[in-house]
């Protein structure tokens, strides 16, 4: 069970952030409304929130998940793979130092974004992407193995982050983007393949008794409901324009 989460308000500079999609410029006021609704959903899931002020110096900084990897017992400060985001992790470090007795760090030449890291029970999957390199993966793997986790490194071919395409719902259920290049590595799971046109919904997020899903993807919603999960649908249009998804917006532990 998760009990806490860290979030950061989107800054007025949000539209100046990094984006690989061509969906238009986000509306800032709508971005704030969608972020407020996201925070309300986390509270409904039973989480106590630490809400950080917006940081206009880092337009992408509301995507706090990329700055760290957290478990119930320890945290790892990441080293963002895009140099424009280096520095976002510093304030997160100050927060996590208060939460964990054991805090580790990814060091140069390692690059690692939290969006490339997925925990599935006692396993961790590390996505090797444009944002997470082999050096970062090796450092994280060494830390996790000290705590007896099984660790696997998986190539991410055509997507920004590992969790852009794969997300664990618990109970051996795994959402998988239909075009994820390494999906055969997950044959031991009950794989829910996301259909064409609903790829964005691959980044749905299990938190305690709920699954958060982006609004507007009825086929994926129906598949998740069929598994017995309670769903909270959230409008994510403005974050989608900036390569962001549901998992990106919080650090949960």
C-alpha atoms as a PDB file:
ATOM      1  CA  UNK A   1       0.000   0.000   0.000  1.00  0.00           C
ATOM      2  CA  UNK A   2       1.162   3.503  -0.820  1.00  0.00           C
ATOM      3  CA  UNK A   3       0.653   6.146   1.861  1.00  0.00           C
ATOM      4  CA  UNK A   4       2.466   9.215   0.505  1.00  0.00           C
ATOM      5  CA  UNK A   5       3.156  11.027  -2.750  1.00  0.00           C
ATOM      6  CA  UNK A   6       5.214  13.999  -3.888  1.00  0.00           C
ATOM      7  CA  UNK A   7       3.843  16.251  -6.634  1.00  0.00           C
ATOM      8  CA  UNK A   8       4.869  19.598  -8.075  1.00  0.00           C
ATOM      9  CA  UNK A   9       2.593  22.271  -9.491  1.00  0.00           C
ATOM     10  CA  UNK A  10       3.098  23.026 -13.197  1.00  0.00           C
ATOM     11  CA  UNK A  11       4.941  26.274 -13.849  1.00  0.00           C
ATOM     12  CA  UNK A  12       3.842  29.091 -16.145  1.00  0.00           C
ATOM     13  CA  UNK A  13       6.724  28.009 -18.390  1.00  0.00           C
ATOM     14  CA  UNK A  14       5.212  24.513 -18.810  1.00  0.00           C
ATOM     15  CA  UNK A  15       4.642  24.985 -22.545  1.00  0.00           C
ATOM     16  CA  UNK A  16       8.388  25.574 -23.007  1.00  0.00           C
ATOM     17  CA  UNK A  17       9.197  22.047 -21.903  1.00  0.00           C
ATOM     18  CA  UNK A  18      10.458  19.094 -23.921  1.00  0.00           C
ATOM     19  CA  UNK A  19       7.967  17.459 -26.269  1.00  0.00           C
ATOM     20  CA  UNK A  20       8.323  14.938 -29.078  1.00  0.00           C
ATOM     21  CA  UNK A  21       4.654  14.946 -30.076  1.00  0.00           C
ATOM     22  CA  UNK A  22       2.845  17.418 -32.289  1.00  0.00           C
ATOM     23  CA  UNK A  23      -0.377  17.981 -30.374  1.00  0.00           C
ATOM     24  CA  UNK A  24      -0.229  21.747 -29.963  1.00  0.00           C
ATOM     25  CA  UNK A  25       0.638  24.081 -27.123  1.00  0.00           C
ATOM     26  CA  UNK A  26      -0.848  23.267 -23.711  1.00  0.00           C
ATOM     27  CA  UNK A  27      -3.340  25.677 -22.151  1.00  0.00           C
ATOM     28  CA  UNK A  28      -1.849  26.688 -18.814  1.00  0.00           C
ATOM     29  CA  UNK A  29      -5.111  27.264 -16.941  1.00  0.00           C
ATOM     30  CA  UNK A  30      -6.440  23.915 -18.123  1.00  0.00           C
ATOM     31  CA  UNK A  31      -3.133  22.306 -17.147  1.00  0.00           C
ATOM     32  CA  UNK A  32      -3.598  23.590 -13.588  1.00  0.00           C
ATOM     33  CA  UNK A  33      -7.177  22.281 -13.443  1.00  0.00           C
ATOM     34  CA  UNK A  34      -6.096  18.859 -14.642  1.00  0.00           C
ATOM     35  CA  UNK A  35      -3.252  18.803 -12.124  1.00  0.00           C
ATOM     36  CA  UNK A  36      -5.642  19.729  -9.295  1.00  0.00           C
ATOM     37  CA  UNK A  37      -7.928  16.864 -10.315  1.00  0.00           C
ATOM     38  CA  UNK A  38      -4.932  14.516 -10.345  1.00  0.00           C
ATOM     39  CA  UNK A  39      -4.010  15.562  -6.802  1.00  0.00           C
ATOM     40  CA  UNK A  40      -7.607  15.034  -5.670  1.00  0.00           C
ATOM     41  CA  UNK A  41      -7.501  11.535  -7.146  1.00  0.00           C
ATOM     42  CA  UNK A  42      -4.320  10.717  -5.216  1.00  0.00           C
ATOM     43  CA  UNK A  43      -6.001  11.846  -2.003  1.00  0.00           C
ATOM     44  CA  UNK A  44      -9.015   9.659  -2.832  1.00  0.00           C
ATOM     45  CA  UNK A  45      -6.583   6.753  -3.191  1.00  0.00           C
ATOM     46  CA  UNK A  46      -5.506   7.375   0.398  1.00  0.00           C
ATOM     47  CA  UNK A  47      -2.263   9.281  -0.123  1.00  0.00           C
ATOM     48  CA  UNK A  48      -0.877  12.143   1.924  1.00  0.00           C
ATOM     49  CA  UNK A  49       0.551  14.697  -0.509  1.00  0.00           C
ATOM     50  CA  UNK A  50       3.646  16.844  -0.397  1.00  0.00           C
ATOM     51  CA  UNK A  51       2.909  19.564  -2.963  1.00  0.00           C
ATOM     52  CA  UNK A  52       5.974  21.437  -4.165  1.00  0.00           C
ATOM     53  CA  UNK A  53       5.761  24.930  -5.594  1.00  0.00           C
ATOM     54  CA  UNK A  54       6.104  25.410  -9.339  1.00  0.00           C
ATOM     55  CA  UNK A  55       9.631  25.936 -10.607  1.00  0.00           C
ATOM     56  CA  UNK A  56       9.630  28.119 -13.741  1.00  0.00           C
ATOM     57  CA  UNK A  57      13.341  27.466 -14.289  1.00  0.00           C
ATOM     58  CA  UNK A  58      12.459  23.863 -15.153  1.00  0.00           C
ATOM     59  CA  UNK A  59       9.378  23.686 -17.421  1.00  0.00           C
ATOM     60  CA  UNK A  60       9.184  19.878 -17.125  1.00  0.00           C
ATOM     61  CA  UNK A  61       9.592  19.771 -13.356  1.00  0.00           C
ATOM     62  CA  UNK A  62       5.971  18.809 -12.623  1.00  0.00           C
ATOM     63  CA  UNK A  63       6.986  15.385 -13.971  1.00  0.00           C
ATOM     64  CA  UNK A  64       8.607  14.554 -10.645  1.00  0.00           C
ATOM     65  CA  UNK A  65       8.744  10.795 -11.220  1.00  0.00           C
ATOM     66  CA  UNK A  66      11.799  11.208 -13.438  1.00  0.00           C
ATOM     67  CA  UNK A  67      13.889  12.630 -10.598  1.00  0.00           C
ATOM     68  CA  UNK A  68      13.959   9.592  -8.305  1.00  0.00           C
ATOM     69  CA  UNK A  69      13.100   5.958  -7.729  1.00  0.00           C
ATOM     70  CA  UNK A  70      11.375   5.291  -4.427  1.00  0.00           C
ATOM     71  CA  UNK A  71      10.368   2.210  -2.462  1.00  0.00           C
ATOM     72  CA  UNK A  72       8.883   1.885   1.017  1.00  0.00           C
ATOM     73  CA  UNK A  73      12.325   1.565   2.548  1.00  0.00           C
ATOM     74  CA  UNK A  74      14.796   3.631   0.525  1.00  0.00           C
ATOM     75  CA  UNK A  75      15.110   6.134  -2.291  1.00  0.00           C
ATOM     76  CA  UNK A  76      17.463   6.663  -5.232  1.00  0.00           C
ATOM     77  CA  UNK A  77      18.078  10.118  -6.644  1.00  0.00           C
ATOM     78  CA  UNK A  78      18.080   9.821 -10.421  1.00  0.00           C
ATOM     79  CA  UNK A  79      20.192  11.682 -12.943  1.00  0.00           C
ATOM     80  CA  UNK A  80      17.831  12.927 -15.704  1.00  0.00           C
ATOM     81  CA  UNK A  81      18.853  11.833 -19.163  1.00  0.00           C
ATOM     82  CA  UNK A  82      18.104  15.113 -20.915  1.00  0.00           C
ATOM     83  CA  UNK A  83      20.657  17.747 -19.827  1.00  0.00           C
ATOM     84  CA  UNK A  84      17.930  20.407 -19.796  1.00  0.00           C
ATOM     85  CA  UNK A  85      16.424  18.647 -16.781  1.00  0.00           C
ATOM     86  CA  UNK A  86      19.594  18.264 -14.752  1.00  0.00           C
ATOM     87  CA  UNK A  87      19.038  20.097 -11.489  1.00  0.00           C
ATOM     88  CA  UNK A  88      15.406  19.087 -10.999  1.00  0.00           C
ATOM     89  CA  UNK A  89      16.570  16.277  -8.734  1.00  0.00           C
ATOM     90  CA  UNK A  90      18.194  18.616  -6.189  1.00  0.00           C
ATOM     91  CA  UNK A  91      15.003  19.733  -4.438  1.00  0.00           C
ATOM     92  CA  UNK A  92      13.589  16.217  -4.554  1.00  0.00           C
ATOM     93  CA  UNK A  93      16.721  15.071  -2.750  1.00  0.00           C
ATOM     94  CA  UNK A  94      16.014  17.540   0.082  1.00  0.00           C
ATOM     95  CA  UNK A  95      12.477  16.150   0.446  1.00  0.00           C
ATOM     96  CA  UNK A  96      13.503  12.493   0.313  1.00  0.00           C
ATOM     97  CA  UNK A  97      16.283  13.000   2.856  1.00  0.00           C
ATOM     98  CA  UNK A  98      13.508  13.643   5.378  1.00  0.00           C
ATOM     99  CA  UNK A  99      11.614  10.508   4.357  1.00  0.00           C
ATOM    100  CA  UNK A 100      14.324   7.850   4.091  1.00  0.00           C
ATOM    101  CA  UNK A 101      17.271   6.799   6.215  1.00  0.00           C
ATOM    102  CA  UNK A 102      18.867   5.259   3.125  1.00  0.00           C
ATOM    103  CA  UNK A 103      19.206   7.456   0.056  1.00  0.00           C
ATOM    104  CA  UNK A 104      21.353   6.555  -2.946  1.00  0.00           C
ATOM    105  CA  UNK A 105      22.432   8.486  -6.055  1.00  0.00           C
ATOM    106  CA  UNK A 106      22.957   7.770  -9.740  1.00  0.00           C
ATOM    107  CA  UNK A 107      26.328   9.249 -10.647  1.00  0.00           C
ATOM    108  CA  UNK A 108      27.893  10.413 -13.912  1.00  0.00           C
ATOM    109  CA  UNK A 109      28.277   8.868 -16.519  1.00  0.00           C
ATOM    110  CA  UNK A 110      25.009   7.234 -15.547  1.00  0.00           C
ATOM    111  CA  UNK A 111      21.768   8.651 -16.942  1.00  0.00           C
ATOM    112  CA  UNK A 112      18.459   7.523 -15.504  1.00  0.00           C
ATOM    113  CA  UNK A 113      14.868   8.776 -15.620  1.00  0.00           C
ATOM    114  CA  UNK A 114      12.354   7.405 -13.124  1.00  0.00           C
ATOM    115  CA  UNK A 115       9.886   6.993 -15.976  1.00  0.00           C
ATOM    116  CA  UNK A 116      12.052   4.119 -17.207  1.00  0.00           C
ATOM    117  CA  UNK A 117      11.770   2.176 -13.948  1.00  0.00           C
ATOM    118  CA  UNK A 118       8.852  -0.142 -13.142  1.00  0.00           C
ATOM    119  CA  UNK A 119       8.400  -2.233 -10.029  1.00  0.00           C
ATOM    120  CA  UNK A 120       6.317  -5.392 -10.264  1.00  0.00           C
ATOM    121  CA  UNK A 121       6.179  -6.941  -6.802  1.00  0.00           C
ATOM    122  CA  UNK A 122       9.749  -8.189  -6.095  1.00  0.00           C
ATOM    123  CA  UNK A 123      10.992  -7.390  -9.599  1.00  0.00           C
ATOM    124  CA  UNK A 124      12.301  -4.176 -11.110  1.00  0.00           C
ATOM    125  CA  UNK A 125      12.411  -3.511 -14.833  1.00  0.00           C
ATOM    126  CA  UNK A 126      14.827  -0.859 -16.123  1.00  0.00           C
ATOM    127  CA  UNK A 127      14.107   0.527 -19.566  1.00  0.00           C
ATOM    128  CA  UNK A 128      17.159   1.325 -21.668  1.00  0.00           C
ATOM    129  CA  UNK A 129      15.998   4.400 -23.554  1.00  0.00           C
ATOM    130  CA  UNK A 130      17.260   7.725 -24.853  1.00  0.00           C
ATOM    131  CA  UNK A 131      16.968   8.953 -21.243  1.00  0.00           C
ATOM    132  CA  UNK A 132      18.413   5.952 -19.365  1.00  0.00           C
ATOM    133  CA  UNK A 133      21.761   4.482 -20.371  1.00  0.00           C
ATOM    134  CA  UNK A 134      23.572   1.272 -19.523  1.00  0.00           C
ATOM    135  CA  UNK A 135      25.747   2.970 -16.888  1.00  0.00           C
ATOM    136  CA  UNK A 136      22.671   4.280 -15.069  1.00  0.00           C
ATOM    137  CA  UNK A 137      20.994   0.894 -15.339  1.00  0.00           C
ATOM    138  CA  UNK A 138      24.017  -0.884 -13.848  1.00  0.00           C
ATOM    139  CA  UNK A 139      24.214   1.526 -10.918  1.00  0.00           C
ATOM    140  CA  UNK A 140      20.526   1.142 -10.121  1.00  0.00           C
ATOM    141  CA  UNK A 141      20.698  -2.623 -10.496  1.00  0.00           C
ATOM    142  CA  UNK A 142      23.552  -2.846  -7.984  1.00  0.00           C
ATOM    143  CA  UNK A 143      21.544  -0.844  -5.444  1.00  0.00           C
ATOM    144  CA  UNK A 144      18.357  -2.853  -5.905  1.00  0.00           C
ATOM    145  CA  UNK A 145      20.120  -6.206  -5.678  1.00  0.00           C
ATOM    146  CA  UNK A 146      21.405  -5.256  -2.222  1.00  0.00           C
ATOM    147  CA  UNK A 147      17.744  -5.445  -1.184  1.00  0.00           C
ATOM    148  CA  UNK A 148      17.220  -8.804  -2.937  1.00  0.00           C
ATOM    149  CA  UNK A 149      15.118  -7.501  -5.818  1.00  0.00           C
ATOM    150  CA  UNK A 150      15.276  -9.276  -9.162  1.00  0.00           C
ATOM    151  CA  UNK A 151      16.338  -6.739 -11.787  1.00  0.00           C
ATOM    152  CA  UNK A 152      15.928  -6.843 -15.575  1.00  0.00           C
ATOM    153  CA  UNK A 153      17.116  -4.359 -18.186  1.00  0.00           C
ATOM    154  CA  UNK A 154      14.779  -4.055 -21.176  1.00  0.00           C
ATOM    155  CA  UNK A 155      15.351  -2.136 -24.452  1.00  0.00           C
ATOM    156  CA  UNK A 156      12.921   0.703 -25.174  1.00  0.00           C
ATOM    157  CA  UNK A 157      12.914   1.227 -28.927  1.00  0.00           C
ATOM    158  CA  UNK A 158      10.355   3.718 -30.192  1.00  0.00           C
ATOM    159  CA  UNK A 159       8.985   5.274 -26.994  1.00  0.00           C
ATOM    160  CA  UNK A 160      10.167   7.998 -24.663  1.00  0.00           C
ATOM    161  CA  UNK A 161      10.121   5.935 -21.462  1.00  0.00           C
ATOM    162  CA  UNK A 162       9.577   2.330 -20.438  1.00  0.00           C
ATOM    163  CA  UNK A 163       6.333   3.277 -18.659  1.00  0.00           C
ATOM    164  CA  UNK A 164       5.087   5.020 -21.780  1.00  0.00           C
ATOM    165  CA  UNK A 165       4.393   1.496 -22.962  1.00  0.00           C
ATOM    166  CA  UNK A 166       4.319  -0.902 -19.989  1.00  0.00           C
ATOM    167  CA  UNK A 167       2.667  -0.565 -16.570  1.00  0.00           C
ATOM    168  CA  UNK A 168       2.020  -3.096 -13.838  1.00  0.00           C
ATOM    169  CA  UNK A 169      -1.449  -3.195 -12.275  1.00  0.00           C
ATOM    170  CA  UNK A 170      -0.668  -5.819  -9.657  1.00  0.00           C
ATOM    171  CA  UNK A 171      -2.119  -9.340  -9.453  1.00  0.00           C
ATOM    172  CA  UNK A 172       0.147 -10.388 -12.365  1.00  0.00           C
ATOM    173  CA  UNK A 173      -1.718  -8.036 -14.743  1.00  0.00           C
ATOM    174  CA  UNK A 174       0.383  -5.930 -17.099  1.00  0.00           C
ATOM    175  CA  UNK A 175      -0.678  -3.223 -19.554  1.00  0.00           C
ATOM    176  CA  UNK A 176       1.469  -3.386 -22.693  1.00  0.00           C
ATOM    177  CA  UNK A 177       1.553  -0.999 -25.656  1.00  0.00           C
ATOM    178  CA  UNK A 178       0.945  -2.994 -28.840  1.00  0.00           C
ATOM    179  CA  UNK A 179       4.155  -1.622 -30.415  1.00  0.00           C
ATOM    180  CA  UNK A 180       6.448  -2.116 -27.428  1.00  0.00           C
ATOM    181  CA  UNK A 181       9.478  -3.820 -28.953  1.00  0.00           C
ATOM    182  CA  UNK A 182      10.279  -6.120 -26.023  1.00  0.00           C
ATOM    183  CA  UNK A 183       6.790  -7.261 -25.083  1.00  0.00           C
ATOM    184  CA  UNK A 184       7.734 -10.927 -25.455  1.00  0.00           C
ATOM    185  CA  UNK A 185       9.859 -10.499 -22.313  1.00  0.00           C
ATOM    186  CA  UNK A 186       6.616 -10.368 -20.319  1.00  0.00           C
ATOM    187  CA  UNK A 187       5.094 -13.723 -21.244  1.00  0.00           C
ATOM    188  CA  UNK A 188       4.796 -14.732 -17.591  1.00  0.00           C
ATOM    189  CA  UNK A 189       2.232 -11.952 -17.023  1.00  0.00           C
ATOM    190  CA  UNK A 190      -1.393 -11.635 -17.989  1.00  0.00           C
ATOM    191  CA  UNK A 191      -0.724  -9.092 -20.732  1.00  0.00           C
ATOM    192  CA  UNK A 192      -3.425  -6.607 -21.628  1.00  0.00           C
ATOM    193  CA  UNK A 193      -2.402  -5.381 -25.060  1.00  0.00           C
ATOM    194  CA  UNK A 194      -3.431  -1.783 -25.718  1.00  0.00           C
ATOM    195  CA  UNK A 195      -5.198  -1.469 -29.055  1.00  0.00           C
ATOM    196  CA  UNK A 196      -4.442   0.945 -31.881  1.00  0.00           C
ATOM    197  CA  UNK A 197      -5.686   4.450 -31.168  1.00  0.00           C
ATOM    198  CA  UNK A 198      -5.544   3.978 -27.388  1.00  0.00           C
ATOM    199  CA  UNK A 199      -1.769   3.792 -26.943  1.00  0.00           C
ATOM    200  CA  UNK A 200      -1.673   6.685 -24.480  1.00  0.00           C
ATOM    201  CA  UNK A 201      -3.768   4.633 -22.039  1.00  0.00           C
ATOM    202  CA  UNK A 202      -0.871   2.192 -21.610  1.00  0.00           C
ATOM    203  CA  UNK A 203       0.302   4.650 -18.965  1.00  0.00           C
ATOM    204  CA  UNK A 204      -2.439   3.881 -16.474  1.00  0.00           C
ATOM    205  CA  UNK A 205      -1.525   3.855 -12.801  1.00  0.00           C
ATOM    206  CA  UNK A 206      -2.488   1.469  -9.997  1.00  0.00           C
ATOM    207  CA  UNK A 207      -2.615   3.151  -6.600  1.00  0.00           C
ATOM    208  CA  UNK A 208      -3.958   1.049  -3.732  1.00  0.00           C
ATOM    209  CA  UNK A 209      -7.610   0.212  -4.488  1.00  0.00           C
ATOM    210  CA  UNK A 210      -7.892   2.201  -7.709  1.00  0.00           C
ATOM    211  CA  UNK A 211      -6.464   2.376 -11.208  1.00  0.00           C
ATOM    212  CA  UNK A 212      -6.071   5.873 -12.616  1.00  0.00           C
ATOM    213  CA  UNK A 213      -6.653   5.984 -16.366  1.00  0.00           C
ATOM    214  CA  UNK A 214      -6.587   8.843 -18.873  1.00  0.00           C
ATOM    215  CA  UNK A 215     -10.058   9.795 -20.051  1.00  0.00           C
ATOM    216  CA  UNK A 216     -11.129   9.021 -23.588  1.00  0.00           C
ATOM    217  CA  UNK A 217      -9.931   5.431 -24.046  1.00  0.00           C
ATOM    218  CA  UNK A 218     -13.028   3.250 -23.561  1.00  0.00           C
ATOM    219  CA  UNK A 219     -11.576  -0.047 -24.805  1.00  0.00           C
ATOM    220  CA  UNK A 220      -8.712   0.059 -22.330  1.00  0.00           C
ATOM    221  CA  UNK A 221     -11.033   1.174 -19.550  1.00  0.00           C
ATOM    222  CA  UNK A 222     -13.342  -1.782 -20.237  1.00  0.00           C
ATOM    223  CA  UNK A 223     -10.429  -4.245 -20.163  1.00  0.00           C
ATOM    224  CA  UNK A 224      -9.220  -2.913 -16.814  1.00  0.00           C
ATOM    225  CA  UNK A 225     -12.739  -2.956 -15.338  1.00  0.00           C
ATOM    226  CA  UNK A 226     -13.165  -6.549 -16.507  1.00  0.00           C
ATOM    227  CA  UNK A 227     -10.207  -7.463 -14.294  1.00  0.00           C
ATOM    228  CA  UNK A 228     -12.143  -6.157 -11.297  1.00  0.00           C
ATOM    229  CA  UNK A 229     -10.389  -2.853 -10.647  1.00  0.00           C
ATOM    230  CA  UNK A 230     -12.096   0.377  -9.626  1.00  0.00           C
ATOM    231  CA  UNK A 231     -11.210   3.178 -12.013  1.00  0.00           C
ATOM    232  CA  UNK A 232     -10.705   6.919 -11.682  1.00  0.00           C
ATOM    233  CA  UNK A 233     -10.680   8.592 -15.113  1.00  0.00           C
ATOM    234  CA  UNK A 234      -8.734  11.819 -15.470  1.00  0.00           C
ATOM    235  CA  UNK A 235      -8.444  14.366 -18.245  1.00  0.00           C
ATOM    236  CA  UNK A 236      -4.786  14.415 -19.284  1.00  0.00           C
ATOM    237  CA  UNK A 237      -4.881  16.285 -22.598  1.00  0.00           C
ATOM    238  CA  UNK A 238      -2.488  19.078 -21.631  1.00  0.00           C
ATOM    239  CA  UNK A 239       0.103  16.740 -20.143  1.00  0.00           C
ATOM    240  CA  UNK A 240      -0.124  14.462 -23.169  1.00  0.00           C
ATOM    241  CA  UNK A 241       0.954  17.428 -25.300  1.00  0.00           C
ATOM    242  CA  UNK A 242       4.217  17.509 -23.321  1.00  0.00           C
ATOM    243  CA  UNK A 243       4.979  13.760 -23.348  1.00  0.00           C
ATOM    244  CA  UNK A 244       3.600  13.362 -19.812  1.00  0.00           C
ATOM    245  CA  UNK A 245       1.370  10.658 -18.378  1.00  0.00           C
ATOM    246  CA  UNK A 246      -0.289   9.671 -15.125  1.00  0.00           C
ATOM    247  CA  UNK A 247       2.744   8.020 -13.556  1.00  0.00           C
ATOM    248  CA  UNK A 248       5.042  10.961 -14.419  1.00  0.00           C
ATOM    249  CA  UNK A 249       3.233  13.424 -12.158  1.00  0.00           C
ATOM    250  CA  UNK A 250       4.003  11.888  -8.778  1.00  0.00           C
ATOM    251  CA  UNK A 251       6.471   9.948  -6.682  1.00  0.00           C
ATOM    252  CA  UNK A 252       4.526   7.384  -4.677  1.00  0.00           C
ATOM    253  CA  UNK A 253       5.738   5.406  -1.664  1.00  0.00           C
END
